[in-house]
């Protein structure tokens, strides 16, 4: 029972789902569902690709909020999913903000998961899960980027938590698994050389598909002296990047994404 004078805080909930099919040489909607704070917009494109822009109408996330996204790319389709803007994760008075993304990619389909950065404010708490199931012949590209405060605004994430969990399967077989957990005194943790050496922006990119090995050399050429590296094994290419701020990260992240998209640019909602 709620005690006198106690106000129950409103929490954001959202559930968005998109299923696609191939029709007349283009990627078309087979199913579209959106509920609560989760919205999906589909701007017109001039190719067979479908671009899905996901939107959190709550304007950010805090402890206790939850968003669920689900995508299913039908056989022979091409979907690029991105976000309208950077997702802001605000101070959590209790609980954690949760974002769960599930992606299925069918036979001969391509899916590019390209959300813009998540910005964590001081004392933010974020838990994310990415669950992906790929057909043997599917192509998949994913990027997740995190900014621990906005350096240009004089902001810093002094304490808090971020947890990231990836599970990617091809034909039912696990091909990639990783878990990231950073919590507590973030300034001291990220200052450590094995972590971020004082940087506040970092990202992971993963590509698995027919061009994984071919992309390795041009990606490494782009990285140059940037803080990061790229590796290829077992049919996948993984890139890790770190930078002193979000702008510096984007300057290297955008051309790397373009290479992994076969020369195509990032979605138009991205901008420097």
Protein backbone atom coordinates (compact mmCIF):
# COMPACT_ATOMS: atom_id res chain seq x y z
CA UNK A 1 0.00 0.00 0.00
CA UNK A 2 1.27 3.46 -0.85
CA UNK A 3 1.91 5.52 2.29
CA UNK A 4 0.52 9.01 2.79
CA UNK A 5 2.64 11.64 1.08
CA UNK A 6 4.49 9.06 -1.02
CA UNK A 7 4.30 9.67 -4.76
CA UNK A 8 4.70 6.73 -7.10
CA UNK A 9 7.06 7.74 -9.89
CA UNK A 10 5.87 7.19 -13.43
CA UNK A 11 8.05 4.86 -15.50
CA UNK A 12 8.41 4.73 -19.26
CA UNK A 13 7.53 1.53 -21.08
CA UNK A 14 7.81 0.83 -24.79
CA UNK A 15 7.46 -2.11 -27.13
CA UNK A 16 8.25 -1.84 -30.85
CA UNK A 17 8.25 -4.64 -33.44
CA UNK A 18 8.98 -4.69 -37.18
CA UNK A 19 8.76 -7.69 -39.54
CA UNK A 20 9.75 -7.34 -43.18
CA UNK A 21 9.23 -9.27 -46.41
CA UNK A 22 10.56 -9.03 -49.96
CA UNK A 23 8.07 -7.89 -52.60
CA UNK A 24 8.73 -6.63 -56.13
CA UNK A 25 12.43 -6.29 -55.46
CA UNK A 26 12.02 -4.09 -52.38
CA UNK A 27 11.85 -4.57 -48.63
CA UNK A 28 8.27 -4.14 -47.44
CA UNK A 29 6.39 -4.13 -44.13
CA UNK A 30 4.92 -7.49 -43.13
CA UNK A 31 4.09 -6.42 -39.57
CA UNK A 32 4.51 -3.22 -37.57
CA UNK A 33 3.61 -2.85 -33.90
CA UNK A 34 4.35 -0.03 -31.46
CA UNK A 35 3.20 0.59 -27.94
CA UNK A 36 3.93 3.13 -25.23
CA UNK A 37 7.09 5.21 -25.65
CA UNK A 38 8.44 3.03 -28.49
CA UNK A 39 7.83 4.33 -32.00
CA UNK A 40 9.21 3.19 -35.37
CA UNK A 41 9.29 5.48 -38.39
CA UNK A 42 10.09 4.29 -41.93
CA UNK A 43 11.38 7.12 -44.14
CA UNK A 44 11.18 6.63 -47.89
CA UNK A 45 14.29 5.25 -49.56
CA UNK A 46 15.27 5.02 -53.22
CA UNK A 47 16.70 1.51 -53.04
CA UNK A 48 15.68 -1.98 -51.96
CA UNK A 49 16.79 -1.12 -48.42
CA UNK A 50 14.31 -0.26 -45.65
CA UNK A 51 15.44 2.26 -43.05
CA UNK A 52 13.77 2.00 -39.64
CA UNK A 53 14.20 4.92 -37.25
CA UNK A 54 13.34 4.01 -33.68
CA UNK A 55 12.19 6.72 -31.28
CA UNK A 56 11.81 6.83 -27.52
CA UNK A 57 9.08 9.45 -27.02
CA UNK A 58 9.86 9.56 -23.29
CA UNK A 59 12.88 11.70 -24.20
CA UNK A 60 15.40 9.61 -22.31
CA UNK A 61 15.61 6.78 -19.78
CA UNK A 62 16.06 6.51 -16.03
CA UNK A 63 15.89 3.77 -13.41
CA UNK A 64 12.85 1.53 -13.85
CA UNK A 65 12.22 2.44 -17.51
CA UNK A 66 12.20 -0.33 -20.12
CA UNK A 67 12.21 -0.48 -23.91
CA UNK A 68 11.81 -3.68 -25.95
CA UNK A 69 12.65 -3.69 -29.66
CA UNK A 70 12.09 -6.65 -31.97
CA UNK A 71 13.06 -6.95 -35.64
CA UNK A 72 12.64 -9.82 -38.08
CA UNK A 73 14.16 -9.39 -41.53
CA UNK A 74 12.49 -11.80 -43.93
CA UNK A 75 14.31 -13.74 -46.63
CA UNK A 76 16.05 -11.52 -49.16
CA UNK A 77 15.32 -8.24 -47.36
CA UNK A 78 17.68 -5.45 -46.30
CA UNK A 79 16.95 -3.44 -43.15
CA UNK A 80 18.97 -0.69 -41.48
CA UNK A 81 17.72 0.25 -38.01
CA UNK A 82 18.92 3.38 -36.27
CA UNK A 83 17.78 5.91 -33.67
CA UNK A 84 16.41 9.41 -34.16
CA UNK A 85 19.02 10.82 -31.78
CA UNK A 86 21.43 9.82 -29.05
CA UNK A 87 19.65 8.04 -26.19
CA UNK A 88 20.11 9.92 -22.91
CA UNK A 89 20.34 7.88 -19.72
CA UNK A 90 19.63 10.07 -16.70
CA UNK A 91 20.39 9.74 -12.99
CA UNK A 92 18.58 6.75 -11.47
CA UNK A 93 17.12 7.23 -8.02
CA UNK A 94 16.20 3.53 -7.93
CA UNK A 95 16.53 0.55 -10.29
CA UNK A 96 18.08 0.47 -13.73
CA UNK A 97 16.98 1.47 -17.22
CA UNK A 98 16.60 -1.59 -19.43
CA UNK A 99 16.81 -1.84 -23.22
CA UNK A 100 16.31 -5.25 -24.85
CA UNK A 101 16.75 -5.72 -28.60
CA UNK A 102 15.96 -8.97 -30.42
CA UNK A 103 16.85 -9.41 -34.08
CA UNK A 104 16.14 -12.31 -36.48
CA UNK A 105 17.71 -12.23 -39.94
CA UNK A 106 16.38 -14.66 -42.55
CA UNK A 107 17.83 -16.41 -45.56
CA UNK A 108 19.95 -14.11 -47.71
CA UNK A 109 18.80 -11.08 -45.67
CA UNK A 110 20.92 -8.17 -44.45
CA UNK A 111 20.40 -6.29 -41.19
CA UNK A 112 22.43 -3.31 -40.00
CA UNK A 113 21.87 -2.28 -36.37
CA UNK A 114 23.19 1.30 -36.16
CA UNK A 115 21.81 3.18 -33.14
CA UNK A 116 23.43 6.49 -32.28
CA UNK A 117 25.39 6.81 -29.04
CA UNK A 118 23.96 6.33 -25.57
CA UNK A 119 24.90 9.26 -23.29
CA UNK A 120 25.13 8.35 -19.61
CA UNK A 121 24.80 11.14 -17.07
CA UNK A 122 26.21 11.02 -13.55
CA UNK A 123 24.65 8.23 -11.42
CA UNK A 124 22.91 6.72 -14.45
CA UNK A 125 22.22 2.99 -14.51
CA UNK A 126 21.75 1.13 -17.81
CA UNK A 127 21.33 -2.54 -18.67
CA UNK A 128 21.19 -3.55 -22.34
CA UNK A 129 20.76 -6.90 -24.07
CA UNK A 130 21.24 -7.67 -27.75
CA UNK A 131 19.95 -11.09 -28.89
CA UNK A 132 20.51 -11.96 -32.56
CA UNK A 133 19.61 -15.08 -34.57
CA UNK A 134 21.01 -15.31 -38.09
CA UNK A 135 20.37 -17.62 -40.99
CA UNK A 136 23.50 -19.30 -42.34
CA UNK A 137 23.44 -16.97 -45.38
CA UNK A 138 22.55 -13.70 -43.56
CA UNK A 139 24.68 -10.57 -43.17
CA UNK A 140 24.70 -8.64 -39.90
CA UNK A 141 26.36 -5.40 -38.80
CA UNK A 142 26.02 -3.91 -35.31
CA UNK A 143 27.43 -0.92 -33.48
CA UNK A 144 26.94 0.17 -29.88
CA UNK A 145 28.61 3.36 -28.64
CA UNK A 146 28.63 4.87 -25.15
CA UNK A 147 29.53 8.35 -23.91
CA UNK A 148 30.20 8.70 -20.19
CA UNK A 149 28.93 12.26 -19.95
CA UNK A 150 29.28 15.09 -22.46
CA UNK A 151 32.79 16.45 -22.17
CA UNK A 152 32.04 19.55 -24.26
CA UNK A 153 29.31 20.46 -21.75
CA UNK A 154 31.63 20.00 -18.77
CA UNK A 155 29.70 16.91 -17.68
CA UNK A 156 31.20 13.68 -16.34
CA UNK A 157 29.82 10.36 -15.13
CA UNK A 158 31.36 10.15 -11.68
CA UNK A 159 29.49 7.04 -10.59
CA UNK A 160 26.83 4.68 -11.87
CA UNK A 161 26.54 1.50 -13.88
CA UNK A 162 26.45 0.28 -17.48
CA UNK A 163 25.96 -3.36 -18.42
CA UNK A 164 25.98 -4.68 -21.99
CA UNK A 165 25.26 -8.28 -23.03
CA UNK A 166 25.53 -9.57 -26.61
CA UNK A 167 24.51 -13.03 -27.82
CA UNK A 168 24.72 -13.66 -31.57
CA UNK A 169 23.85 -17.01 -33.13
CA UNK A 170 24.11 -18.29 -36.68
CA UNK A 171 21.96 -21.29 -37.63
CA UNK A 172 21.37 -21.80 -33.89
CA UNK A 173 25.09 -21.91 -33.06
CA UNK A 174 26.56 -19.25 -30.76
CA UNK A 175 29.19 -17.30 -32.71
CA UNK A 176 29.66 -14.27 -30.47
CA UNK A 177 29.11 -13.62 -26.77
CA UNK A 178 30.30 -10.76 -24.63
CA UNK A 179 29.39 -9.11 -21.36
CA UNK A 180 30.49 -5.67 -20.24
CA UNK A 181 30.00 -4.39 -16.71
CA UNK A 182 31.27 -1.07 -15.42
CA UNK A 183 29.95 0.20 -12.09
CA UNK A 184 30.84 2.16 -9.00
CA UNK A 185 33.48 4.88 -9.14
CA UNK A 186 33.46 5.42 -12.91
CA UNK A 187 36.12 8.11 -12.95
CA UNK A 188 38.65 5.91 -11.18
CA UNK A 189 37.66 2.82 -13.18
CA UNK A 190 37.93 4.46 -16.60
CA UNK A 191 41.24 6.11 -15.68
CA UNK A 192 42.89 2.67 -15.54
CA UNK A 193 45.04 1.85 -18.59
CA UNK A 194 43.43 -1.58 -19.20
CA UNK A 195 39.98 0.07 -19.27
CA UNK A 196 39.86 3.47 -21.05
CA UNK A 197 43.00 5.37 -19.93
CA UNK A 198 40.84 8.35 -19.07
CA UNK A 199 38.74 8.36 -22.26
CA UNK A 200 34.98 8.82 -21.93
CA UNK A 201 33.75 7.54 -25.32
CA UNK A 202 33.94 3.97 -26.59
CA UNK A 203 32.25 1.63 -29.04
CA UNK A 204 32.11 -1.91 -30.37
CA UNK A 205 31.34 -2.83 -33.97
CA UNK A 206 30.69 -6.33 -35.24
CA UNK A 207 30.25 -7.51 -38.82
CA UNK A 208 29.52 -11.09 -39.84
CA UNK A 209 28.87 -11.98 -43.43
CA UNK A 210 30.57 -12.78 -46.73
CA UNK A 211 32.96 -9.80 -46.68
CA UNK A 212 34.30 -10.06 -43.12
CA UNK A 213 37.87 -10.94 -44.08
CA UNK A 214 37.98 -8.51 -47.02
CA UNK A 215 36.95 -5.58 -44.80
CA UNK A 216 39.73 -6.15 -42.24
CA UNK A 217 42.55 -4.41 -44.11
CA UNK A 218 40.62 -1.22 -45.10
CA UNK A 219 39.25 -0.91 -41.55
CA UNK A 220 42.75 -1.16 -40.08
CA UNK A 221 43.96 1.46 -42.56
CA UNK A 222 41.22 3.82 -41.39
CA UNK A 223 42.03 3.29 -37.71
CA UNK A 224 45.60 4.52 -38.17
CA UNK A 225 46.72 5.91 -34.81
CA UNK A 226 43.22 5.88 -33.30
CA UNK A 227 42.76 4.17 -29.96
CA UNK A 228 41.37 0.83 -30.99
CA UNK A 229 41.85 -2.22 -33.13
CA UNK A 230 40.18 -4.69 -35.46
CA UNK A 231 40.28 -8.48 -35.55
CA UNK A 232 38.86 -11.16 -37.84
CA UNK A 233 38.22 -14.78 -36.95
CA UNK A 234 35.56 -17.43 -37.48
CA UNK A 235 33.77 -15.38 -40.15
CA UNK A 236 33.33 -12.23 -38.07
CA UNK A 237 35.07 -8.88 -37.82
CA UNK A 238 35.15 -7.05 -34.47
CA UNK A 239 36.30 -3.45 -34.01
CA UNK A 240 36.89 -1.73 -30.65
CA UNK A 241 37.30 2.02 -30.41
CA UNK A 242 37.90 4.54 -27.63
CA UNK A 243 38.24 8.32 -27.77
CA UNK A 244 38.60 11.35 -25.55
CA UNK A 245 35.11 12.61 -26.41
CA UNK A 246 32.06 11.87 -28.53
CA UNK A 247 33.04 14.09 -31.47
CA UNK A 248 36.43 12.42 -31.80
CA UNK A 249 34.78 8.99 -31.64
CA UNK A 250 32.30 9.87 -34.40
CA UNK A 251 35.02 11.13 -36.71
CA UNK A 252 36.50 7.63 -36.87
CA UNK A 253 33.31 5.65 -36.26
CA UNK A 254 31.42 7.00 -39.31
CA UNK A 255 34.05 6.06 -41.95
CA UNK A 256 34.51 2.62 -40.36
CA UNK A 257 30.75 2.01 -40.52
CA UNK A 258 30.77 3.12 -44.15
CA UNK A 259 33.43 0.53 -45.02
CA UNK A 260 31.42 -2.19 -43.29
CA UNK A 261 28.37 -1.10 -45.32
CA UNK A 262 30.22 -1.62 -48.57
CA UNK A 263 30.79 2.11 -49.05
CA UNK A 264 27.27 3.24 -48.16
CA UNK A 265 26.94 6.19 -45.81
CA UNK A 266 25.48 6.09 -42.32
CA UNK A 267 21.75 6.85 -42.01
CA UNK A 268 20.81 10.48 -42.63
CA UNK A 269 19.73 11.01 -39.00
CA UNK A 270 23.40 10.70 -38.06
CA UNK A 271 25.23 14.02 -38.32
CA UNK A 272 28.48 15.52 -37.07
